[in-house]
Every structure is written in C-alpha cells, then in structure tokens.
Amino acid sequence: MSEESELLSATALTAFRLNGQFLDVAEELAGEAGLTAAWWQVLGAVLREPLPVAGIARTMGMTRQGVQRIADLLVEKGLAEYRPNPAHRRAKLLRPTEEGRAAVDRITPGHAEFAARLTAELGVEEFRAAQEAMAKLSKALEKWSV
C-alpha cells in the first residue's frame, strides 16, 4: 500500500472514531435536556433560520430521509413545526418551537463545560488548528469524493 493510501486509511479511521466519540458526548449532553443527539443536530440546524428538510440534510451531512423522520418526530413532540416555504410549495420549512429552543438551551451549560475541559486539554491554538484542518479536509472531500 502506498504512503498516500495508508494516510487516507488512517485519516478515515480517525474520523470514524472521532464521529463515534462526538456522538457519545452529544448523546450524553442532549439526554440531559430530554433530546437525542440526532434531535439536537436537526434542531441546531434550524435555530438561526428555518430550512427545508433537504437543506438540513446538506448542512448536517445526513440523508434527506433520515432528517425527514427526525423532523416529523420533532413536530409530533412539539419541539418543531413546519411552516410554508415561499420558495417552494411542497418543501415546507422546519423551525423550532419555543419548547424546542428551550430544550437546546438546556444543553448549553453542559456543552460549555465540556468545551472548556477539551480546550484546557488541547489549548486554544491546537484546538483551532484541529478544527481548521477538519474543515479543510471536509472541503477537499466534497470536491474529490467519488
């Protein structure tokens, strides 16, 4: 195997492990607010502005069908609602309800505490460099994915 192939494999395995670790942390943080990591992910995507399901899927790197199931469940639980979309008759916009926003707000203290612990471990500059490297890698994968 070439050095490039080994590097790709090692990077992918690290990303898979990181994904699992982040999901574990997200489940714990979200659970304290009565949410799941997936619910938090979808609600988080629409906190600033309502989005159609396809837009949430693109933003969060999820499948449209997966987002649709979660969005319907959030609406059923009263944590989000569908609104008319002036740009598209059939693709309604999802937005959080006040209850949904309050649930996400309940995650904030645990999130801030975890972020502070991780930053203390890595240091701000190393943490920032890791985030920037991951963003750069993600952009390259978007451009070159098979």
Protein backbone atom coordinates (compact mmCIF):
# COMPACT_ATOMS: atom_id res chain seq x y z
CA MET A 1 0.00 0.00 0.00
CA SER A 2 1.32 3.45 -0.90
CA GLU A 3 2.03 6.09 1.72
CA GLU A 4 -0.91 8.11 0.37
CA SER A 5 -3.25 5.12 0.70
CA GLU A 6 -2.07 4.46 4.25
CA LEU A 7 -2.56 8.12 5.13
CA LEU A 8 -6.09 8.10 3.72
CA SER A 9 -6.96 4.93 5.63
CA ALA A 10 -5.50 6.23 8.90
CA THR A 11 -7.32 9.55 8.50
CA ALA A 12 -10.63 7.83 7.73
CA LEU A 13 -10.29 5.52 10.74
CA THR A 14 -9.51 8.50 12.96
CA ALA A 15 -12.56 10.35 11.58
CA PHE A 16 -14.79 7.33 12.22
CA ARG A 17 -13.51 7.09 15.78
CA LEU A 18 -13.97 10.84 16.32
CA ASN A 19 -17.51 10.62 14.93
CA GLY A 20 -18.34 7.90 17.44
CA GLN A 21 -16.77 9.86 20.28
CA PHE A 22 -18.61 13.05 19.35
CA LEU A 23 -21.88 11.15 19.07
CA ASP A 24 -21.34 9.65 22.53
CA VAL A 25 -20.72 13.11 24.01
CA ALA A 26 -23.68 14.56 22.11
CA GLU A 27 -25.98 11.78 23.35
CA GLU A 28 -24.94 12.47 26.93
CA LEU A 29 -25.34 16.24 26.64
CA ALA A 30 -28.62 16.04 24.73
CA GLY A 31 -30.02 13.38 27.05
CA GLU A 32 -29.82 15.78 29.97
CA ALA A 33 -32.27 18.01 28.07
CA GLY A 34 -34.61 15.18 27.04
CA LEU A 35 -33.28 15.08 23.48
CA THR A 36 -31.20 12.66 21.44
CA ALA A 37 -28.06 13.67 19.56
CA ALA A 38 -29.96 13.38 16.27
CA TRP A 39 -32.81 15.59 17.53
CA TRP A 40 -30.27 18.16 18.75
CA GLN A 41 -28.49 18.03 15.39
CA VAL A 42 -31.66 18.75 13.42
CA LEU A 43 -32.90 21.42 15.84
CA GLY A 44 -29.46 23.02 15.80
CA ALA A 45 -29.58 23.32 12.03
CA VAL A 46 -32.72 25.47 12.19
CA LEU A 47 -32.03 27.66 15.22
CA ARG A 48 -30.90 30.64 13.14
CA GLU A 49 -33.34 30.23 10.26
CA PRO A 50 -35.98 27.76 9.15
CA LEU A 51 -34.82 25.32 6.49
CA PRO A 52 -36.38 22.64 4.30
CA VAL A 53 -35.52 19.03 5.12
CA ALA A 54 -33.16 18.80 2.12
CA GLY A 55 -31.31 21.92 3.31
CA ILE A 56 -30.90 20.47 6.80
CA ALA A 57 -29.58 17.23 5.30
CA ARG A 58 -26.99 19.10 3.21
CA THR A 59 -25.91 21.28 6.14
CA MET A 60 -25.58 18.40 8.60
CA GLY A 61 -24.25 15.71 6.26
CA MET A 62 -27.29 13.50 6.83
CA THR A 63 -29.66 11.75 4.43
CA ARG A 64 -32.85 13.56 3.49
CA GLN A 65 -34.90 10.54 4.59
CA GLY A 66 -33.18 10.46 7.99
CA VAL A 67 -33.79 14.16 8.53
CA GLN A 68 -37.43 13.75 7.44
CA ARG A 69 -38.02 11.05 10.07
CA ILE A 70 -36.44 13.15 12.80
CA ALA A 71 -38.22 16.34 11.70
CA ASP A 72 -41.60 14.57 11.75
CA LEU A 73 -40.84 13.24 15.23
CA LEU A 74 -39.79 16.69 16.47
CA VAL A 75 -43.05 18.13 15.13
CA GLU A 76 -45.03 15.31 16.78
CA LYS A 77 -43.26 16.04 20.12
CA GLY A 78 -43.96 19.77 19.84
CA LEU A 79 -40.28 20.68 19.55
CA ALA A 80 -40.52 21.96 15.97
CA GLU A 81 -43.12 22.96 13.43
CA TYR A 82 -43.45 23.09 9.68
CA ARG A 83 -44.09 26.47 8.08
CA PRO A 84 -44.95 27.36 4.48
CA ASN A 85 -41.95 27.87 2.22
CA PRO A 86 -42.38 30.87 -0.11
CA ALA A 87 -39.67 29.46 -2.40
CA HIS A 88 -41.19 26.00 -2.77
CA ARG A 89 -44.81 24.96 -2.35
CA ARG A 90 -44.17 21.37 -1.24
CA ALA A 91 -40.84 21.65 0.66
CA LYS A 92 -42.02 23.15 3.93
CA LEU A 93 -39.61 24.88 6.27
CA LEU A 94 -38.81 23.39 9.67
CA ARG A 95 -38.33 25.69 12.61
CA PRO A 96 -38.04 25.06 16.35
CA THR A 97 -40.90 25.89 18.67
CA GLU A 98 -40.26 27.74 21.92
CA GLU A 99 -40.18 24.33 23.62
CA GLY A 100 -37.57 23.14 21.12
CA ARG A 101 -35.43 26.22 21.71
CA ALA A 102 -35.73 25.77 25.46
CA ALA A 103 -34.57 22.15 25.15
CA VAL A 104 -31.50 23.20 23.18
CA ASP A 105 -30.84 25.98 25.71
CA ARG A 106 -30.77 23.36 28.48
CA ILE A 107 -27.81 21.74 26.72
CA THR A 108 -25.74 24.93 26.73
CA PRO A 109 -24.24 24.69 30.25
CA GLY A 110 -23.02 21.11 29.75
CA HIS A 111 -21.77 21.96 26.28
CA ALA A 112 -19.83 24.96 27.61
CA GLU A 113 -18.34 22.91 30.44
CA PHE A 114 -17.25 20.14 28.07
CA ALA A 115 -15.80 22.69 25.62
CA ALA A 116 -13.80 24.28 28.46
CA ARG A 117 -12.40 20.88 29.54
CA LEU A 118 -11.43 19.97 25.98
CA THR A 119 -9.85 23.39 25.41
CA ALA A 120 -7.87 23.06 28.65
CA GLU A 121 -6.59 19.69 27.42
CA LEU A 122 -5.62 20.85 23.91
CA GLY A 123 -5.06 24.58 24.24
CA VAL A 124 -6.95 27.11 22.15
CA GLU A 125 -4.46 27.20 19.27
CA GLU A 126 -4.21 23.42 18.89
CA PHE A 127 -7.98 23.08 19.16
CA ARG A 128 -8.47 25.76 16.49
CA ALA A 129 -5.85 24.14 14.24
CA ALA A 130 -7.64 20.77 14.55
CA GLN A 131 -10.99 22.34 13.63
CA GLU A 132 -9.47 24.18 10.67
CA ALA A 133 -7.74 21.00 9.43
CA MET A 134 -11.01 19.05 9.65
CA ALA A 135 -12.87 21.80 7.78
CA LYS A 136 -10.20 21.84 5.07
CA LEU A 137 -10.33 18.04 4.78
CA SER A 138 -14.14 18.13 4.55
CA LYS A 139 -13.99 20.71 1.77
CA ALA A 140 -11.45 18.61 -0.15
CA LEU A 141 -13.61 15.52 0.25
CA GLU A 142 -16.61 17.44 -1.08
CA LYS A 143 -14.61 18.37 -4.14
CA TRP A 144 -13.00 14.98 -4.76
CA SER A 145 -15.45 12.45 -3.40
CA VAL A 146 -16.11 9.55 -5.73
